[in-house]
Amino acid sequence: MPYPDLLRKSWGRAIRRLELPVYNPHDLRHKWTTEALTNGVSIHEVSRWLGHRSIKVTVDRYGHLTQDGQERCRQVAETAVGPHMQRAVLTWC
């Protein structure tokens, strides 16, 4: 880089010229991560793309955005025991 502030100044000029909300490059990193996780990309893959040393870093910050939360657990439990539970309820009633 010719001088240390080149990226910051160029970024600021581009944002103003395009009349975009004030973002910094790190904001875009968070935006990309949020979009990837909410659209079903594996948290393991996102963690690798972000370059985190451990998936724990990714899970701690973005874990609430994954589709692996309570809904996924409910689906797995329902698939595994749902048919048995329905039969049990029907015979019990």
N, C-alpha and C. Protein backbone atom coordinates (compact mmCIF):
# COMPACT_ATOMS: atom_id res chain seq x y z
N MET A 1 0.84 -1.19 0.00
CA MET A 1 0.00 0.00 0.00
C MET A 1 0.88 1.25 0.00
N PRO A 2 0.53 2.21 -0.81
CA PRO A 2 1.33 3.43 -0.85
C PRO A 2 1.38 4.17 0.49
N TYR A 3 0.26 4.20 1.22
CA TYR A 3 0.27 4.81 2.54
C TYR A 3 -0.81 4.15 3.39
N PRO A 4 -0.66 4.17 4.72
CA PRO A 4 -1.54 3.39 5.60
C PRO A 4 -3.03 3.72 5.52
N ASP A 5 -3.41 4.96 5.30
CA ASP A 5 -4.82 5.34 5.30
C ASP A 5 -5.51 5.17 3.95
N LEU A 6 -4.82 4.62 2.96
CA LEU A 6 -5.39 4.52 1.62
C LEU A 6 -6.70 3.74 1.61
N LEU A 7 -6.74 2.59 2.23
CA LEU A 7 -7.95 1.78 2.22
C LEU A 7 -9.09 2.51 2.92
N ARG A 8 -8.82 3.07 4.10
CA ARG A 8 -9.87 3.76 4.86
C ARG A 8 -10.42 4.94 4.07
N LYS A 9 -9.56 5.74 3.50
CA LYS A 9 -10.02 6.91 2.75
C LYS A 9 -10.74 6.51 1.46
N SER A 10 -10.22 5.53 0.77
CA SER A 10 -10.88 5.06 -0.47
C SER A 10 -12.24 4.47 -0.15
N TRP A 11 -12.31 3.71 0.93
CA TRP A 11 -13.57 3.11 1.34
C TRP A 11 -14.60 4.21 1.64
N GLY A 12 -14.18 5.18 2.43
CA GLY A 12 -15.08 6.29 2.79
C GLY A 12 -15.58 7.05 1.58
N ARG A 13 -14.70 7.32 0.63
CA ARG A 13 -15.10 8.03 -0.60
C ARG A 13 -16.11 7.20 -1.39
N ALA A 14 -15.87 5.90 -1.50
CA ALA A 14 -16.77 5.03 -2.26
C ALA A 14 -18.15 4.98 -1.60
N ILE A 15 -18.19 4.88 -0.29
CA ILE A 15 -19.47 4.84 0.43
C ILE A 15 -20.26 6.13 0.19
N ARG A 16 -19.56 7.27 0.32
CA ARG A 16 -20.24 8.56 0.10
C ARG A 16 -20.70 8.69 -1.35
N ARG A 17 -19.86 8.33 -2.29
CA ARG A 17 -20.19 8.46 -3.71
C ARG A 17 -21.40 7.60 -4.08
N LEU A 18 -21.49 6.42 -3.51
CA LEU A 18 -22.60 5.51 -3.81
C LEU A 18 -23.82 5.78 -2.95
N GLU A 19 -23.68 6.74 -2.03
CA GLU A 19 -24.76 7.11 -1.11
C GLU A 19 -25.30 5.91 -0.34
N LEU A 20 -24.37 5.09 0.14
CA LEU A 20 -24.72 3.92 0.95
C LEU A 20 -24.70 4.28 2.41
N PRO A 21 -25.39 3.50 3.23
CA PRO A 21 -25.25 3.69 4.68
C PRO A 21 -23.78 3.47 5.07
N VAL A 22 -23.39 4.05 6.16
CA VAL A 22 -22.00 3.96 6.58
C VAL A 22 -21.70 2.53 7.05
N TYR A 23 -20.90 1.85 6.28
CA TYR A 23 -20.43 0.51 6.60
C TYR A 23 -18.92 0.54 6.63
N ASN A 24 -18.34 -0.37 7.38
CA ASN A 24 -16.91 -0.59 7.27
C ASN A 24 -16.73 -2.02 6.78
N PRO A 25 -15.55 -2.39 6.33
CA PRO A 25 -15.35 -3.75 5.80
C PRO A 25 -15.74 -4.84 6.80
N HIS A 26 -15.53 -4.61 8.08
CA HIS A 26 -15.88 -5.61 9.08
C HIS A 26 -17.40 -5.78 9.18
N ASP A 27 -18.15 -4.70 9.00
CA ASP A 27 -19.63 -4.81 8.97
C ASP A 27 -20.08 -5.74 7.85
N LEU A 28 -19.41 -5.66 6.71
CA LEU A 28 -19.77 -6.52 5.59
C LEU A 28 -19.43 -7.98 5.89
N ARG A 29 -18.38 -8.21 6.65
CA ARG A 29 -18.02 -9.57 7.07
C ARG A 29 -19.16 -10.15 7.92
N HIS A 30 -19.66 -9.34 8.87
CA HIS A 30 -20.78 -9.79 9.71
C HIS A 30 -22.02 -10.03 8.86
N LYS A 31 -22.28 -9.15 7.91
CA LYS A 31 -23.45 -9.29 7.04
C LYS A 31 -23.37 -10.59 6.24
N TRP A 32 -22.21 -10.85 5.65
CA TRP A 32 -22.04 -12.07 4.87
C TRP A 32 -22.25 -13.30 5.75
N THR A 33 -21.69 -13.29 6.95
CA THR A 33 -21.83 -14.42 7.86
C THR A 33 -23.29 -14.64 8.21
N THR A 34 -24.00 -13.58 8.53
CA THR A 34 -25.41 -13.68 8.87
C THR A 34 -26.21 -14.26 7.71
N GLU A 35 -25.98 -13.76 6.51
CA GLU A 35 -26.69 -14.27 5.33
C GLU A 35 -26.38 -15.74 5.09
N ALA A 36 -25.13 -16.12 5.20
CA ALA A 36 -24.75 -17.51 4.95
C ALA A 36 -25.42 -18.45 5.95
N LEU A 37 -25.36 -18.10 7.23
CA LEU A 37 -25.92 -18.99 8.25
C LEU A 37 -27.44 -19.05 8.21
N THR A 38 -28.10 -17.93 7.98
CA THR A 38 -29.56 -17.95 7.96
C THR A 38 -30.09 -18.64 6.70
N ASN A 39 -29.22 -18.82 5.71
CA ASN A 39 -29.63 -19.53 4.49
C ASN A 39 -29.12 -20.96 4.44
N GLY A 40 -28.71 -21.47 5.59
CA GLY A 40 -28.42 -22.90 5.69
C GLY A 40 -27.00 -23.35 5.47
N VAL A 41 -26.05 -22.45 5.28
CA VAL A 41 -24.66 -22.88 5.13
C VAL A 41 -24.19 -23.41 6.48
N SER A 42 -23.47 -24.50 6.46
CA SER A 42 -22.98 -25.14 7.68
C SER A 42 -22.10 -24.18 8.48
N ILE A 43 -22.30 -24.18 9.79
CA ILE A 43 -21.48 -23.30 10.65
C ILE A 43 -20.01 -23.71 10.61
N HIS A 44 -19.75 -25.00 10.36
CA HIS A 44 -18.36 -25.46 10.23
C HIS A 44 -17.71 -24.82 9.00
N GLU A 45 -18.45 -24.78 7.91
CA GLU A 45 -17.93 -24.19 6.68
C GLU A 45 -17.73 -22.69 6.84
N VAL A 46 -18.70 -22.01 7.43
CA VAL A 46 -18.58 -20.56 7.64
C VAL A 46 -17.39 -20.26 8.54
N SER A 47 -17.21 -21.04 9.59
CA SER A 47 -16.09 -20.84 10.49
C SER A 47 -14.76 -20.95 9.74
N ARG A 48 -14.68 -21.93 8.86
CA ARG A 48 -13.45 -22.11 8.07
C ARG A 48 -13.24 -20.91 7.14
N TRP A 49 -14.32 -20.45 6.47
CA TRP A 49 -14.22 -19.30 5.57
C TRP A 49 -13.78 -18.04 6.30
N LEU A 50 -14.28 -17.88 7.54
CA LEU A 50 -13.93 -16.70 8.32
C LEU A 50 -12.50 -16.76 8.86
N GLY A 51 -11.93 -17.96 8.87
CA GLY A 51 -10.56 -18.11 9.37
C GLY A 51 -10.47 -18.17 10.88
N HIS A 52 -11.57 -18.50 11.54
CA HIS A 52 -11.54 -18.61 13.00
C HIS A 52 -10.69 -19.81 13.40
N ARG A 53 -9.92 -19.66 14.46
CA ARG A 53 -9.06 -20.75 14.94
C ARG A 53 -9.88 -21.93 15.44
N SER A 54 -11.04 -21.64 15.98
CA SER A 54 -11.89 -22.67 16.55
C SER A 54 -13.34 -22.38 16.16
N ILE A 55 -14.10 -23.43 15.96
CA ILE A 55 -15.52 -23.24 15.65
C ILE A 55 -16.24 -22.60 16.83
N LYS A 56 -15.68 -22.74 18.03
CA LYS A 56 -16.28 -22.13 19.22
C LYS A 56 -16.43 -20.62 19.06
N VAL A 57 -15.45 -19.99 18.43
CA VAL A 57 -15.52 -18.54 18.20
C VAL A 57 -16.74 -18.22 17.34
N THR A 58 -16.94 -18.99 16.30
CA THR A 58 -18.08 -18.77 15.40
C THR A 58 -19.40 -19.06 16.10
N VAL A 59 -19.46 -20.16 16.82
CA VAL A 59 -20.70 -20.54 17.51
C VAL A 59 -21.05 -19.51 18.57
N ASP A 60 -20.07 -19.05 19.33
CA ASP A 60 -20.35 -18.07 20.38
C ASP A 60 -20.94 -16.78 19.81
N ARG A 61 -20.46 -16.37 18.66
CA ARG A 61 -20.93 -15.11 18.09
C ARG A 61 -22.17 -15.27 17.21
N TYR A 62 -22.22 -16.35 16.43
CA TYR A 62 -23.26 -16.47 15.42
C TYR A 62 -24.16 -17.70 15.59
N GLY A 63 -23.97 -18.48 16.62
CA GLY A 63 -24.70 -19.73 16.79
C GLY A 63 -26.20 -19.58 16.76
N HIS A 64 -26.71 -18.46 17.24
CA HIS A 64 -28.16 -18.26 17.26
C HIS A 64 -28.76 -18.11 15.87
N LEU A 65 -27.93 -17.94 14.85
CA LEU A 65 -28.42 -17.75 13.49
C LEU A 65 -28.55 -19.06 12.71
N THR A 66 -28.02 -20.13 13.25
CA THR A 66 -28.02 -21.38 12.50
C THR A 66 -29.38 -22.04 12.52
N GLN A 67 -29.58 -22.89 11.56
CA GLN A 67 -30.82 -23.66 11.50
C GLN A 67 -30.69 -24.92 12.35
N ASP A 68 -29.62 -25.02 13.10
CA ASP A 68 -29.39 -26.19 13.95
C ASP A 68 -29.92 -25.98 15.35
N GLY A 69 -30.76 -25.02 15.53
CA GLY A 69 -31.28 -24.69 16.85
C GLY A 69 -32.44 -25.58 17.27
N GLN A 70 -33.33 -25.03 18.04
CA GLN A 70 -34.43 -25.78 18.62
C GLN A 70 -35.32 -26.43 17.57
N GLU A 71 -35.57 -25.74 16.48
CA GLU A 71 -36.44 -26.30 15.44
C GLU A 71 -35.84 -27.57 14.85
N ARG A 72 -34.54 -27.55 14.60
CA ARG A 72 -33.87 -28.74 14.04
C ARG A 72 -33.93 -29.88 15.05
N CYS A 73 -33.71 -29.60 16.32
CA CYS A 73 -33.80 -30.64 17.35
C CYS A 73 -35.21 -31.23 17.40
N ARG A 74 -36.22 -30.39 17.29
CA ARG A 74 -37.59 -30.86 17.30
C ARG A 74 -37.85 -31.77 16.11
N GLN A 75 -37.35 -31.40 14.94
CA GLN A 75 -37.54 -32.21 13.75
C GLN A 75 -36.90 -33.59 13.90
N VAL A 76 -35.69 -33.62 14.44
CA VAL A 76 -35.00 -34.89 14.62
C VAL A 76 -35.75 -35.77 15.60
N ALA A 77 -36.16 -35.18 16.73
CA ALA A 77 -36.89 -35.96 17.73
C ALA A 77 -38.21 -36.46 17.17
N GLU A 78 -38.91 -35.63 16.44
CA GLU A 78 -40.18 -36.02 15.86
C GLU A 78 -40.01 -37.15 14.85
N THR A 79 -38.96 -37.06 14.04
CA THR A 79 -38.69 -38.11 13.06
C THR A 79 -38.33 -39.42 13.74
N ALA A 80 -37.53 -39.34 14.79
CA ALA A 80 -37.06 -40.55 15.47
C ALA A 80 -38.15 -41.23 16.28
N VAL A 81 -38.90 -40.49 17.04
CA VAL A 81 -39.88 -41.11 17.95
C VAL A 81 -41.32 -40.75 17.64
N GLY A 82 -41.54 -39.87 16.70
CA GLY A 82 -42.90 -39.43 16.37
C GLY A 82 -43.86 -40.55 16.05
N PRO A 83 -43.49 -41.46 15.13
CA PRO A 83 -44.42 -42.54 14.80
C PRO A 83 -44.76 -43.41 16.01
N HIS A 84 -43.78 -43.64 16.87
CA HIS A 84 -44.01 -44.46 18.06
C HIS A 84 -44.92 -43.73 19.05
N MET A 85 -44.72 -42.43 19.16
CA MET A 85 -45.52 -41.64 20.09
C MET A 85 -46.98 -41.58 19.62
N GLN A 86 -47.18 -41.45 18.33
CA GLN A 86 -48.54 -41.38 17.81
C GLN A 86 -49.29 -42.69 18.08
N ARG A 87 -48.60 -43.84 17.88
CA ARG A 87 -49.22 -45.12 18.15
C ARG A 87 -49.53 -45.27 19.63
N ALA A 88 -48.58 -44.81 20.46
CA ALA A 88 -48.78 -44.92 21.91
C ALA A 88 -49.97 -44.08 22.35
N VAL A 89 -50.09 -42.89 21.83
CA VAL A 89 -51.19 -42.00 22.19
C VAL A 89 -52.51 -42.58 21.70
N LEU A 90 -52.53 -43.12 20.50
CA LEU A 90 -53.76 -43.69 19.94
C LEU A 90 -54.22 -44.91 20.75
N THR A 91 -53.28 -45.75 21.18
CA THR A 91 -53.67 -46.93 21.94
C THR A 91 -54.02 -46.56 23.37
N TRP A 92 -53.47 -45.46 23.85
CA TRP A 92 -53.73 -45.03 25.23
C TRP A 92 -55.09 -44.37 25.33
N CYS A 93 -55.51 -43.65 24.31
CA CYS A 93 -56.76 -42.90 24.32
C CYS A 93 -57.99 -43.77 24.27
